[in-house]
C-alpha cells in the first residue's frame, strides 16, 4: 500500500482504507474557500448569492461611464480635426452634404426666425408702452435676435433636423457593418463620413444664422409698425443706434461653435450606435439632446467671455436709455 503526499486537501490514508478511497472521501468533503467579494453572501442553504449593487456602486459606475464618454468624444474630435487638416475631401462628397445641411434647412430656419421676431414684438409691446418706451421696442427685438435668439434657435433647428438625421444615418451604417466595410477597403471612415458633415455644419450655420436674424427683424418690424402702431421712423432709428455690426458679429461668431458641436456630437453618437434599430433610434435621440445641451452651455460660456471682452475694449458702449 502506498501513501499520498501531504497537501492542503489530502492526508495520509487511514488504516483499512485504500489510497483511492481516501482521496475520494477528501474530495467529497472539501469546501470552497469563502468568497471575500463585498457583494457575495451565503444563503441559508450554504450556496453563495450575489447582492445587487448598492447606490454608491451604481453612482460610481455612472461617473466612470460619463468620464469615459467625455474622453471618447474628445478623442473623436481630435481624430476629425486631424483628418480635416491632413487630406482635403472631394467635392463629390462635400456638395451633397452642403445641400442637405444648408439649402434644405433654409425654409425651416426662415419660418422659425420670422415667428420669433413676431412673438417678441407681441409679448414686449405692452410692457414698453406702459412706461412710454414703445419706440425703443425695435432695439430690444433686434438686439435679442442678433445676439442670442437667432444663433441659438438656428442651431437648435439644425440639431433637430440635421443632427438627428446624421446620427441615424451613421448609426444605420454602423449596425449594418458598412463602416467596417469602408475600413476593410482601406478608406478611413472619419475622413469619408465625418469630415464632410463637420465642414457643412461649421461653414453653413453662420449663413443660416444670418437668415434667421433677417427674417426675425422683418417679422418684428412688420408687427410693431403695422399692427401695434409704432412710428416706423423712430423704430428703425433706435434700432440703428443701439444695434451695431459688432452685435451681429457676436451672434455669427457663436454660431461657428454651435455648428461644430452639433456635427461632432451627432456623428459620435452615430458611430457608436449598437443594438439594431432600437440603438439607431436611441442614437438619434441622444444626438439631439446632447447637441441642445452643448448649444446652451456654449452660449452661456461664450456670452460671459464676449461681454467681458466688450466691456474691456469699449467701456462707453451704447445703452438702451
C-alpha atoms as a PDB file:
ATOM      1  CA  UNK A   1       0.000   0.000   0.000  1.00  0.00           C
ATOM      2  CA  UNK A   2       1.299   3.471  -0.914  1.00  0.00           C
ATOM      3  CA  UNK A   3       0.920   6.789   0.866  1.00  0.00           C
ATOM      4  CA  UNK A   4      -0.329  10.067  -0.595  1.00  0.00           C
ATOM      5  CA  UNK A   5       1.863  13.129  -0.023  1.00  0.00           C
ATOM      6  CA  UNK A   6       0.635  15.697   2.430  1.00  0.00           C
ATOM      7  CA  UNK A   7      -1.161  18.665   0.866  1.00  0.00           C
ATOM      8  CA  UNK A   8      -3.792  21.203   1.675  1.00  0.00           C
ATOM      9  CA  UNK A   9      -6.643  18.901   0.665  1.00  0.00           C
ATOM     10  CA  UNK A  10      -5.117  15.422   1.077  1.00  0.00           C
ATOM     11  CA  UNK A  11      -3.987  13.418   4.035  1.00  0.00           C
ATOM     12  CA  UNK A  12      -2.317  10.111   4.743  1.00  0.00           C
ATOM     13  CA  UNK A  13      -4.641   7.115   4.294  1.00  0.00           C
ATOM     14  CA  UNK A  14      -6.137   5.710   7.442  1.00  0.00           C
ATOM     15  CA  UNK A  15      -5.800   2.019   8.296  1.00  0.00           C
ATOM     16  CA  UNK A  16      -8.310  -0.121   6.446  1.00  0.00           C
ATOM     17  CA  UNK A  17      -8.836   2.298   3.551  1.00  0.00           C
ATOM     18  CA  UNK A  18      -7.052   2.308   0.265  1.00  0.00           C
ATOM     19  CA  UNK A  19      -5.428   5.449  -1.066  1.00  0.00           C
ATOM     20  CA  UNK A  20      -8.066   5.737  -3.784  1.00  0.00           C
ATOM     21  CA  UNK A  21     -10.959   5.645  -1.314  1.00  0.00           C
ATOM     22  CA  UNK A  22      -9.199   8.158   0.954  1.00  0.00           C
ATOM     23  CA  UNK A  23      -8.686  10.665  -1.893  1.00  0.00           C
ATOM     24  CA  UNK A  24     -12.312  10.273  -2.968  1.00  0.00           C
ATOM     25  CA  UNK A  25     -13.511  10.926   0.587  1.00  0.00           C
ATOM     26  CA  UNK A  26     -11.329  14.017   0.947  1.00  0.00           C
ATOM     27  CA  UNK A  27     -12.543  15.408  -2.405  1.00  0.00           C
ATOM     28  CA  UNK A  28     -16.166  14.897  -1.387  1.00  0.00           C
ATOM     29  CA  UNK A  29     -15.726  16.704   1.947  1.00  0.00           C
ATOM     30  CA  UNK A  30     -13.618  19.588   0.573  1.00  0.00           C
ATOM     31  CA  UNK A  31     -15.271  23.035   0.747  1.00  0.00           C
ATOM     32  CA  UNK A  32     -14.526  26.009  -1.471  1.00  0.00           C
ATOM     33  CA  UNK A  33     -12.882  28.967   0.243  1.00  0.00           C
ATOM     34  CA  UNK A  34     -15.204  31.790   1.310  1.00  0.00           C
ATOM     35  CA  UNK A  35     -15.797  34.461  -1.312  1.00  0.00           C
ATOM     36  CA  UNK A  36     -14.420  37.725   0.017  1.00  0.00           C
ATOM     37  CA  UNK A  37     -16.327  39.871  -2.516  1.00  0.00           C
ATOM     38  CA  UNK A  38     -18.440  42.560  -0.799  1.00  0.00           C
ATOM     39  CA  UNK A  39     -21.434  41.627  -2.960  1.00  0.00           C
ATOM     40  CA  UNK A  40     -21.344  37.894  -2.248  1.00  0.00           C
ATOM     41  CA  UNK A  41     -23.293  36.431   0.699  1.00  0.00           C
ATOM     42  CA  UNK A  42     -24.000  32.887   1.851  1.00  0.00           C
ATOM     43  CA  UNK A  43     -27.599  31.775   1.678  1.00  0.00           C
ATOM     44  CA  UNK A  44     -29.139  29.532   4.375  1.00  0.00           C
ATOM     45  CA  UNK A  45     -28.637  26.541   2.101  1.00  0.00           C
ATOM     46  CA  UNK A  46     -24.897  27.189   2.055  1.00  0.00           C
ATOM     47  CA  UNK A  47     -24.550  28.471  -1.513  1.00  0.00           C
ATOM     48  CA  UNK A  48     -23.243  31.880  -2.438  1.00  0.00           C
ATOM     49  CA  UNK A  49     -25.549  34.532  -3.859  1.00  0.00           C
ATOM     50  CA  UNK A  50     -24.690  37.969  -5.210  1.00  0.00           C
ATOM     51  CA  UNK A  51     -26.362  41.054  -3.809  1.00  0.00           C
ATOM     52  CA  UNK A  52     -27.498  43.782  -6.225  1.00  0.00           C
ATOM     53  CA  UNK A  53     -25.074  46.736  -6.359  1.00  0.00           C
ATOM     54  CA  UNK A  54     -25.708  49.467  -3.844  1.00  0.00           C
ATOM     55  CA  UNK A  55     -26.455  53.084  -4.681  1.00  0.00           C
ATOM     56  CA  UNK A  56     -22.814  54.017  -4.197  1.00  0.00           C
ATOM     57  CA  UNK A  57     -21.722  51.333  -6.681  1.00  0.00           C
ATOM     58  CA  UNK A  58     -24.274  52.495  -9.269  1.00  0.00           C
ATOM     59  CA  UNK A  59     -23.280  56.139  -8.811  1.00  0.00           C
ATOM     60  CA  UNK A  60     -19.620  55.286  -9.211  1.00  0.00           C
ATOM     61  CA  UNK A  61     -20.340  53.279 -12.362  1.00  0.00           C
ATOM     62  CA  UNK A  62     -22.289  56.202 -13.847  1.00  0.00           C
ATOM     63  CA  UNK A  63     -19.482  58.642 -13.052  1.00  0.00           C
ATOM     64  CA  UNK A  64     -16.893  56.357 -14.643  1.00  0.00           C
ATOM     65  CA  UNK A  65     -19.075  55.862 -17.733  1.00  0.00           C
ATOM     66  CA  UNK A  66     -19.612  59.624 -18.051  1.00  0.00           C
ATOM     67  CA  UNK A  67     -15.895  60.375 -17.807  1.00  0.00           C
ATOM     68  CA  UNK A  68     -15.126  57.664 -20.348  1.00  0.00           C
ATOM     69  CA  UNK A  69     -17.818  59.049 -22.665  1.00  0.00           C
ATOM     70  CA  UNK A  70     -16.375  62.566 -22.483  1.00  0.00           C
ATOM     71  CA  UNK A  71     -12.911  61.222 -23.205  1.00  0.00           C
ATOM     72  CA  UNK A  72     -14.237  59.262 -26.173  1.00  0.00           C
ATOM     73  CA  UNK A  73     -15.856  62.398 -27.614  1.00  0.00           C
ATOM     74  CA  UNK A  74     -12.609  64.349 -27.181  1.00  0.00           C
ATOM     75  CA  UNK A  75     -10.594  61.647 -28.953  1.00  0.00           C
ATOM     76  CA  UNK A  76     -13.208  61.515 -31.717  1.00  0.00           C
ATOM     77  CA  UNK A  77     -12.990  65.296 -32.117  1.00  0.00           C
ATOM     78  CA  UNK A  78      -9.203  65.271 -32.399  1.00  0.00           C
ATOM     79  CA  UNK A  79      -9.350  62.497 -34.980  1.00  0.00           C
ATOM     80  CA  UNK A  80     -11.833  64.550 -37.005  1.00  0.00           C
ATOM     81  CA  UNK A  81      -9.604  67.630 -36.879  1.00  0.00           C
ATOM     82  CA  UNK A  82      -6.584  65.520 -37.810  1.00  0.00           C
ATOM     83  CA  UNK A  83      -8.211  64.178 -40.971  1.00  0.00           C
ATOM     84  CA  UNK A  84      -9.661  67.611 -41.765  1.00  0.00           C
ATOM     85  CA  UNK A  85      -6.154  69.072 -41.917  1.00  0.00           C
ATOM     86  CA  UNK A  86      -4.399  66.070 -43.408  1.00  0.00           C
ATOM     87  CA  UNK A  87      -6.428  65.472 -46.554  1.00  0.00           C
ATOM     88  CA  UNK A  88      -8.944  67.550 -48.480  1.00  0.00           C
ATOM     89  CA  UNK A  89     -12.353  65.999 -49.047  1.00  0.00           C
ATOM     90  CA  UNK A  90     -13.618  65.544 -52.577  1.00  0.00           C
ATOM     91  CA  UNK A  91     -16.289  67.877 -53.934  1.00  0.00           C
ATOM     92  CA  UNK A  92     -18.405  64.900 -54.933  1.00  0.00           C
ATOM     93  CA  UNK A  93     -18.730  64.102 -51.232  1.00  0.00           C
ATOM     94  CA  UNK A  94     -18.955  67.671 -49.938  1.00  0.00           C
ATOM     95  CA  UNK A  95     -21.678  69.006 -52.241  1.00  0.00           C
ATOM     96  CA  UNK A  96     -24.440  66.564 -51.183  1.00  0.00           C
ATOM     97  CA  UNK A  97     -23.657  67.238 -47.515  1.00  0.00           C
ATOM     98  CA  UNK A  98     -23.685  71.004 -48.070  1.00  0.00           C
ATOM     99  CA  UNK A  99     -27.021  70.794 -49.856  1.00  0.00           C
ATOM    100  CA  UNK A 100     -28.633  68.664 -47.146  1.00  0.00           C
ATOM    101  CA  UNK A 101     -27.310  70.821 -44.311  1.00  0.00           C
ATOM    102  CA  UNK A 102     -27.575  74.288 -45.837  1.00  0.00           C
ATOM    103  CA  UNK A 103     -30.019  74.582 -48.730  1.00  0.00           C
ATOM    104  CA  UNK A 104     -32.596  72.166 -47.369  1.00  0.00           C
ATOM    105  CA  UNK A 105     -32.589  73.915 -43.975  1.00  0.00           C
ATOM    106  CA  UNK A 106     -33.349  77.410 -45.288  1.00  0.00           C
ATOM    107  CA  UNK A 107     -37.190  77.148 -45.200  1.00  0.00           C
ATOM    108  CA  UNK A 108     -37.435  75.915 -41.620  1.00  0.00           C
ATOM    109  CA  UNK A 109     -34.830  78.411 -40.398  1.00  0.00           C
ATOM    110  CA  UNK A 110     -36.587  81.293 -42.165  1.00  0.00           C
ATOM    111  CA  UNK A 111     -40.006  80.407 -40.743  1.00  0.00           C
ATOM    112  CA  UNK A 112     -38.554  79.984 -37.251  1.00  0.00           C
ATOM    113  CA  UNK A 113     -36.815  83.374 -37.348  1.00  0.00           C
ATOM    114  CA  UNK A 114     -39.910  85.115 -38.721  1.00  0.00           C
ATOM    115  CA  UNK A 115     -42.198  83.866 -35.971  1.00  0.00           C
ATOM    116  CA  UNK A 116     -39.648  84.560 -33.233  1.00  0.00           C
ATOM    117  CA  UNK A 117     -39.493  88.217 -34.257  1.00  0.00           C
ATOM    118  CA  UNK A 118     -43.272  88.441 -34.362  1.00  0.00           C
ATOM    119  CA  UNK A 119     -43.661  86.802 -30.952  1.00  0.00           C
ATOM    120  CA  UNK A 120     -41.090  89.126 -29.389  1.00  0.00           C
ATOM    121  CA  UNK A 121     -42.964  92.174 -30.699  1.00  0.00           C
ATOM    122  CA  UNK A 122     -46.315  90.974 -29.373  1.00  0.00           C
ATOM    123  CA  UNK A 123     -45.022  89.930 -25.950  1.00  0.00           C
ATOM    124  CA  UNK A 124     -42.911  93.015 -25.170  1.00  0.00           C
ATOM    125  CA  UNK A 125     -45.031  95.825 -26.607  1.00  0.00           C
ATOM    126  CA  UNK A 126     -47.419  96.328 -23.673  1.00  0.00           C
ATOM    127  CA  UNK A 127     -44.627  96.490 -21.077  1.00  0.00           C
ATOM    128  CA  UNK A 128     -42.682  99.104 -23.055  1.00  0.00           C
ATOM    129  CA  UNK A 129     -45.799 101.057 -23.943  1.00  0.00           C
ATOM    130  CA  UNK A 130     -46.775 101.261 -20.249  1.00  0.00           C
ATOM    131  CA  UNK A 131     -43.548 103.136 -19.436  1.00  0.00           C
ATOM    132  CA  UNK A 132     -43.586 105.297 -22.568  1.00  0.00           C
ATOM    133  CA  UNK A 133     -40.767 103.481 -24.404  1.00  0.00           C
ATOM    134  CA  UNK A 134     -42.694 101.825 -27.218  1.00  0.00           C
ATOM    135  CA  UNK A 135     -40.398 103.342 -29.852  1.00  0.00           C
ATOM    136  CA  UNK A 136     -37.461 101.528 -28.219  1.00  0.00           C
ATOM    137  CA  UNK A 137     -39.099  98.205 -28.961  1.00  0.00           C
ATOM    138  CA  UNK A 138     -37.062  97.726 -32.121  1.00  0.00           C
ATOM    139  CA  UNK A 139     -33.830  97.968 -30.136  1.00  0.00           C
ATOM    140  CA  UNK A 140     -34.846  95.173 -27.786  1.00  0.00           C
ATOM    141  CA  UNK A 141     -36.209  92.902 -30.512  1.00  0.00           C
ATOM    142  CA  UNK A 142     -33.245  93.280 -32.829  1.00  0.00           C
ATOM    143  CA  UNK A 143     -30.505  93.019 -30.197  1.00  0.00           C
ATOM    144  CA  UNK A 144     -32.160  89.906 -28.779  1.00  0.00           C
ATOM    145  CA  UNK A 145     -32.357  88.362 -32.223  1.00  0.00           C
ATOM    146  CA  UNK A 146     -28.866  89.025 -33.499  1.00  0.00           C
ATOM    147  CA  UNK A 147     -27.012  88.189 -30.276  1.00  0.00           C
ATOM    148  CA  UNK A 148     -28.990  85.333 -28.728  1.00  0.00           C
ATOM    149  CA  UNK A 149     -32.209  84.068 -30.234  1.00  0.00           C
ATOM    150  CA  UNK A 150     -31.089  83.991 -33.859  1.00  0.00           C
ATOM    151  CA  UNK A 151     -27.937  81.886 -33.336  1.00  0.00           C
ATOM    152  CA  UNK A 152     -29.436  79.656 -30.644  1.00  0.00           C
ATOM    153  CA  UNK A 153     -32.694  78.887 -32.441  1.00  0.00           C
ATOM    154  CA  UNK A 154     -30.969  78.377 -35.784  1.00  0.00           C
ATOM    155  CA  UNK A 155     -28.576  75.923 -34.126  1.00  0.00           C
ATOM    156  CA  UNK A 156     -31.446  74.197 -32.332  1.00  0.00           C
ATOM    157  CA  UNK A 157     -33.385  73.716 -35.552  1.00  0.00           C
ATOM    158  CA  UNK A 158     -30.233  72.470 -37.255  1.00  0.00           C
ATOM    159  CA  UNK A 159     -29.641  69.989 -34.419  1.00  0.00           C
ATOM    160  CA  UNK A 160     -33.208  68.717 -34.675  1.00  0.00           C
ATOM    161  CA  UNK A 161     -33.237  68.433 -38.440  1.00  0.00           C
ATOM    162  CA  UNK A 162     -29.634  67.599 -39.354  1.00  0.00           C
ATOM    163  CA  UNK A 163     -28.103  66.271 -36.131  1.00  0.00           C
ATOM    164  CA  UNK A 164     -30.672  63.519 -35.678  1.00  0.00           C
ATOM    165  CA  UNK A 165     -30.501  62.630 -39.374  1.00  0.00           C
ATOM    166  CA  UNK A 166     -26.703  62.326 -39.299  1.00  0.00           C
ATOM    167  CA  UNK A 167     -26.788  60.175 -36.173  1.00  0.00           C
ATOM    168  CA  UNK A 168     -29.466  57.903 -37.669  1.00  0.00           C
ATOM    169  CA  UNK A 169     -27.633  57.582 -40.984  1.00  0.00           C
ATOM    170  CA  UNK A 170     -24.273  56.790 -39.431  1.00  0.00           C
ATOM    171  CA  UNK A 171     -25.909  54.536 -36.844  1.00  0.00           C
ATOM    172  CA  UNK A 172     -27.557  52.509 -39.604  1.00  0.00           C
ATOM    173  CA  UNK A 173     -24.219  52.214 -41.363  1.00  0.00           C
ATOM    174  CA  UNK A 174     -22.656  51.032 -38.104  1.00  0.00           C
ATOM    175  CA  UNK A 175     -25.204  48.313 -37.286  1.00  0.00           C
ATOM    176  CA  UNK A 176     -25.202  47.083 -40.898  1.00  0.00           C
ATOM    177  CA  UNK A 177     -21.369  46.955 -40.849  1.00  0.00           C
ATOM    178  CA  UNK A 178     -20.952  49.424 -43.713  1.00  0.00           C
ATOM    179  CA  UNK A 179     -18.436  51.426 -41.670  1.00  0.00           C
ATOM    180  CA  UNK A 180     -16.447  48.241 -41.054  1.00  0.00           C
ATOM    181  CA  UNK A 181     -16.541  47.564 -44.779  1.00  0.00           C
ATOM    182  CA  UNK A 182     -15.087  51.006 -45.508  1.00  0.00           C
ATOM    183  CA  UNK A 183     -12.225  50.282 -43.114  1.00  0.00           C
ATOM    184  CA  UNK A 184     -11.640  46.905 -44.741  1.00  0.00           C
ATOM    185  CA  UNK A 185     -11.420  48.579 -48.155  1.00  0.00           C
ATOM    186  CA  UNK A 186      -8.736  50.964 -46.889  1.00  0.00           C
ATOM    187  CA  UNK A 187     -10.934  54.078 -46.570  1.00  0.00           C
ATOM    188  CA  UNK A 188     -10.823  55.956 -43.306  1.00  0.00           C
ATOM    189  CA  UNK A 189     -14.440  56.321 -42.063  1.00  0.00           C
ATOM    190  CA  UNK A 190     -13.683  59.548 -40.198  1.00  0.00           C
ATOM    191  CA  UNK A 191     -12.349  61.240 -43.329  1.00  0.00           C
ATOM    192  CA  UNK A 192     -15.049  59.913 -45.639  1.00  0.00           C
ATOM    193  CA  UNK A 193     -18.129  60.247 -43.422  1.00  0.00           C
ATOM    194  CA  UNK A 194     -17.464  62.721 -40.610  1.00  0.00           C
ATOM    195  CA  UNK A 195     -15.273  65.429 -42.147  1.00  0.00           C
ATOM    196  CA  UNK A 196     -17.778  66.453 -44.884  1.00  0.00           C
ATOM    197  CA  UNK A 197     -20.594  66.715 -42.349  1.00  0.00           C
ATOM    198  CA  UNK A 198     -18.389  68.627 -39.953  1.00  0.00           C
ATOM    199  CA  UNK A 199     -17.442  71.131 -42.666  1.00  0.00           C
ATOM    200  CA  UNK A 200     -21.065  71.508 -43.716  1.00  0.00           C
ATOM    201  CA  UNK A 201     -22.232  72.375 -40.207  1.00  0.00           C
ATOM    202  CA  UNK A 202     -19.228  74.582 -39.484  1.00  0.00           C
ATOM    203  CA  UNK A 203     -19.412  76.672 -42.668  1.00  0.00           C
ATOM    204  CA  UNK A 204     -23.132  76.892 -43.322  1.00  0.00           C
ATOM    205  CA  UNK A 205     -24.644  77.543 -39.911  1.00  0.00           C
ATOM    206  CA  UNK A 206     -23.385  81.185 -39.921  1.00  0.00           C
ATOM    207  CA  UNK A 207     -25.355  81.771 -43.143  1.00  0.00           C
ATOM    208  CA  UNK A 208     -28.411  80.135 -41.611  1.00  0.00           C
ATOM    209  CA  UNK A 209     -27.982  82.331 -38.547  1.00  0.00           C
ATOM    210  CA  UNK A 210     -27.979  85.461 -40.724  1.00  0.00           C
ATOM    211  CA  UNK A 211     -31.130  84.187 -42.421  1.00  0.00           C
ATOM    212  CA  UNK A 212     -32.838  83.721 -39.047  1.00  0.00           C
ATOM    213  CA  UNK A 213     -31.723  87.197 -37.955  1.00  0.00           C
ATOM    214  CA  UNK A 214     -33.025  88.813 -41.134  1.00  0.00           C
ATOM    215  CA  UNK A 215     -36.408  87.113 -41.012  1.00  0.00           C
ATOM    216  CA  UNK A 216     -36.769  87.886 -37.304  1.00  0.00           C
ATOM    217  CA  UNK A 217     -36.020  91.576 -37.852  1.00  0.00           C
ATOM    218  CA  UNK A 218     -38.563  91.729 -40.679  1.00  0.00           C
ATOM    219  CA  UNK A 219     -41.221  89.922 -38.662  1.00  0.00           C
ATOM    220  CA  UNK A 220     -40.741  92.126 -35.603  1.00  0.00           C
ATOM    221  CA  UNK A 221     -40.804  95.311 -37.698  1.00  0.00           C
ATOM    222  CA  UNK A 222     -43.972  94.359 -39.544  1.00  0.00           C
ATOM    223  CA  UNK A 223     -45.888  93.537 -36.373  1.00  0.00           C
ATOM    224  CA  UNK A 224     -44.576  96.586 -34.495  1.00  0.00           C
ATOM    225  CA  UNK A 225     -45.215  99.178 -37.191  1.00  0.00           C
ATOM    226  CA  UNK A 226     -48.268  97.774 -38.974  1.00  0.00           C
ATOM    227  CA  UNK A 227     -50.176  96.031 -36.189  1.00  0.00           C
ATOM    228  CA  UNK A 228     -49.107  97.763 -32.963  1.00  0.00           C
ATOM    229  CA  UNK A 229     -48.921 101.271 -34.389  1.00  0.00           C
ATOM    230  CA  UNK A 230     -45.318 102.212 -33.575  1.00  0.00           C
ATOM    231  CA  UNK A 231     -43.860 105.003 -35.692  1.00  0.00           C
ATOM    232  CA  UNK A 232     -41.562 103.352 -38.277  1.00  0.00           C
ATOM    233  CA  UNK A 233     -39.045 106.196 -38.285  1.00  0.00           C
ATOM    234  CA  UNK A 234     -38.337 106.062 -34.550  1.00  0.00           C
ATOM    235  CA  UNK A 235     -38.497 102.255 -34.588  1.00  0.00           C
ATOM    236  CA  UNK A 236     -35.659 101.995 -37.111  1.00  0.00           C
ATOM    237  CA  UNK A 237     -33.779 104.980 -35.683  1.00  0.00           C
ATOM    238  CA  UNK A 238     -33.408 103.449 -32.225  1.00  0.00           C
ATOM    239  CA  UNK A 239     -32.612 100.064 -33.755  1.00  0.00           C
ATOM    240  CA  UNK A 240     -29.798 101.553 -35.826  1.00  0.00           C
ATOM    241  CA  UNK A 241     -28.350 103.457 -32.865  1.00  0.00           C
ATOM    242  CA  UNK A 242     -28.473 100.605 -30.356  1.00  0.00           C
ATOM    243  CA  UNK A 243     -27.662  97.568 -32.561  1.00  0.00           C
ATOM    244  CA  UNK A 244     -24.200  97.672 -34.103  1.00  0.00           C
ATOM    245  CA  UNK A 245     -22.406  95.442 -36.560  1.00  0.00           C
ATOM    246  CA  UNK A 246     -20.354  94.110 -33.672  1.00  0.00           C
ATOM    247  CA  UNK A 247     -23.507  92.648 -32.154  1.00  0.00           C
ATOM    248  CA  UNK A 248     -24.266  90.861 -35.413  1.00  0.00           C
ATOM    249  CA  UNK A 249     -20.704  89.560 -35.496  1.00  0.00           C
ATOM    250  CA  UNK A 250     -21.089  88.248 -31.928  1.00  0.00           C
ATOM    251  CA  UNK A 251     -24.034  86.079 -32.944  1.00  0.00           C
ATOM    252  CA  UNK A 252     -22.333  84.818 -36.078  1.00  0.00           C
ATOM    253  CA  UNK A 253     -19.146  84.082 -34.138  1.00  0.00           C
ATOM    254  CA  UNK A 254     -21.018  81.916 -31.641  1.00  0.00           C
ATOM    255  CA  UNK A 255     -22.726  80.003 -34.423  1.00  0.00           C
ATOM    256  CA  UNK A 256     -19.396  78.502 -35.533  1.00  0.00           C
ATOM    257  CA  UNK A 257     -19.044  76.783 -32.163  1.00  0.00           C
ATOM    258  CA  UNK A 258     -22.665  75.631 -32.271  1.00  0.00           C
ATOM    259  CA  UNK A 259     -22.188  74.055 -35.702  1.00  0.00           C
ATOM    260  CA  UNK A 260     -19.004  72.265 -34.681  1.00  0.00           C
ATOM    261  CA  UNK A 261     -20.656  70.893 -31.532  1.00  0.00           C
ATOM    262  CA  UNK A 262     -23.696  69.639 -33.457  1.00  0.00           C
ATOM    263  CA  UNK A 263     -21.558  67.833 -36.037  1.00  0.00           C
ATOM    264  CA  UNK A 264     -19.181  66.209 -33.547  1.00  0.00           C
ATOM    265  CA  UNK A 265     -21.839  65.091 -31.078  1.00  0.00           C
ATOM    266  CA  UNK A 266     -24.194  63.749 -33.758  1.00  0.00           C
ATOM    267  CA  UNK A 267     -21.502  61.886 -35.690  1.00  0.00           C
ATOM    268  CA  UNK A 268     -20.071  60.444 -32.479  1.00  0.00           C
ATOM    269  CA  UNK A 269     -23.470  59.116 -31.427  1.00  0.00           C
ATOM    270  CA  UNK A 270     -23.982  57.559 -34.835  1.00  0.00           C
ATOM    271  CA  UNK A 271     -20.526  55.987 -34.914  1.00  0.00           C
ATOM    272  CA  UNK A 272     -21.088  54.358 -31.519  1.00  0.00           C
ATOM    273  CA  UNK A 273     -24.594  53.117 -32.210  1.00  0.00           C
ATOM    274  CA  UNK A 274     -25.323  49.487 -31.397  1.00  0.00           C
ATOM    275  CA  UNK A 275     -28.277  47.236 -30.761  1.00  0.00           C
ATOM    276  CA  UNK A 276     -30.033  47.252 -34.120  1.00  0.00           C
ATOM    277  CA  UNK A 277     -32.991  49.501 -34.922  1.00  0.00           C
ATOM    278  CA  UNK A 278     -33.520  50.402 -31.266  1.00  0.00           C
ATOM    279  CA  UNK A 279     -29.914  51.524 -30.975  1.00  0.00           C
ATOM    280  CA  UNK A 280     -30.230  53.718 -34.063  1.00  0.00           C
ATOM    281  CA  UNK A 281     -33.297  55.444 -32.615  1.00  0.00           C
ATOM    282  CA  UNK A 282     -31.511  55.922 -29.309  1.00  0.00           C
ATOM    283  CA  UNK A 283     -28.504  57.430 -31.108  1.00  0.00           C
ATOM    284  CA  UNK A 284     -30.724  59.926 -32.947  1.00  0.00           C
ATOM    285  CA  UNK A 285     -32.421  60.971 -29.717  1.00  0.00           C
ATOM    286  CA  UNK A 286     -29.155  61.326 -27.821  1.00  0.00           C
ATOM    287  CA  UNK A 287     -27.667  63.339 -30.691  1.00  0.00           C
ATOM    288  CA  UNK A 288     -30.386  65.994 -30.465  1.00  0.00           C
ATOM    289  CA  UNK A 289     -30.495  66.100 -26.663  1.00  0.00           C
ATOM    290  CA  UNK A 290     -26.753  66.404 -26.167  1.00  0.00           C
ATOM    291  CA  UNK A 291     -26.395  68.840 -29.060  1.00  0.00           C
ATOM    292  CA  UNK A 292     -29.009  71.088 -27.475  1.00  0.00           C
ATOM    293  CA  UNK A 293     -27.266  70.872 -24.099  1.00  0.00           C
ATOM    294  CA  UNK A 294     -23.944  71.767 -25.718  1.00  0.00           C
ATOM    295  CA  UNK A 295     -25.552  74.713 -27.537  1.00  0.00           C
ATOM    296  CA  UNK A 296     -26.855  76.160 -24.272  1.00  0.00           C
ATOM    297  CA  UNK A 297     -23.579  75.543 -22.456  1.00  0.00           C
ATOM    298  CA  UNK A 298     -21.509  77.151 -25.198  1.00  0.00           C
ATOM    299  CA  UNK A 299     -23.929  80.068 -25.424  1.00  0.00           C
ATOM    300  CA  UNK A 300     -23.549  80.697 -21.702  1.00  0.00           C
ATOM    301  CA  UNK A 301     -19.765  80.392 -21.781  1.00  0.00           C
ATOM    302  CA  UNK A 302     -19.257  82.477 -24.898  1.00  0.00           C
ATOM    303  CA  UNK A 303     -21.689  85.110 -23.640  1.00  0.00           C
ATOM    304  CA  UNK A 304     -19.640  85.622 -20.487  1.00  0.00           C
ATOM    305  CA  UNK A 305     -16.377  85.824 -22.428  1.00  0.00           C
ATOM    306  CA  UNK A 306     -17.813  88.171 -25.067  1.00  0.00           C
ATOM    307  CA  UNK A 307     -19.387  90.567 -22.565  1.00  0.00           C
ATOM    308  CA  UNK A 308     -16.193  90.759 -20.532  1.00  0.00           C
ATOM    309  CA  UNK A 309     -14.140  91.412 -23.652  1.00  0.00           C
ATOM    310  CA  UNK A 310     -16.598  94.005 -24.979  1.00  0.00           C
ATOM    311  CA  UNK A 311     -16.724  95.985 -21.749  1.00  0.00           C
ATOM    312  CA  UNK A 312     -12.951  95.919 -21.535  1.00  0.00           C
ATOM    313  CA  UNK A 313     -12.386  97.216 -25.053  1.00  0.00           C
ATOM    314  CA  UNK A 314     -15.409  99.553 -25.253  1.00  0.00           C
ATOM    315  CA  UNK A 315     -16.348 100.680 -21.734  1.00  0.00           C
ATOM    316  CA  UNK A 316     -18.534 103.524 -23.084  1.00  0.00           C
ATOM    317  CA  UNK A 317     -20.700 101.399 -25.323  1.00  0.00           C
ATOM    318  CA  UNK A 318     -24.316 102.380 -26.128  1.00  0.00           C
ATOM    319  CA  UNK A 319     -27.147 101.666 -23.685  1.00  0.00           C
ATOM    320  CA  UNK A 320     -30.890 101.411 -24.093  1.00  0.00           C
ATOM    321  CA  UNK A 321     -31.724 104.705 -22.389  1.00  0.00           C
END
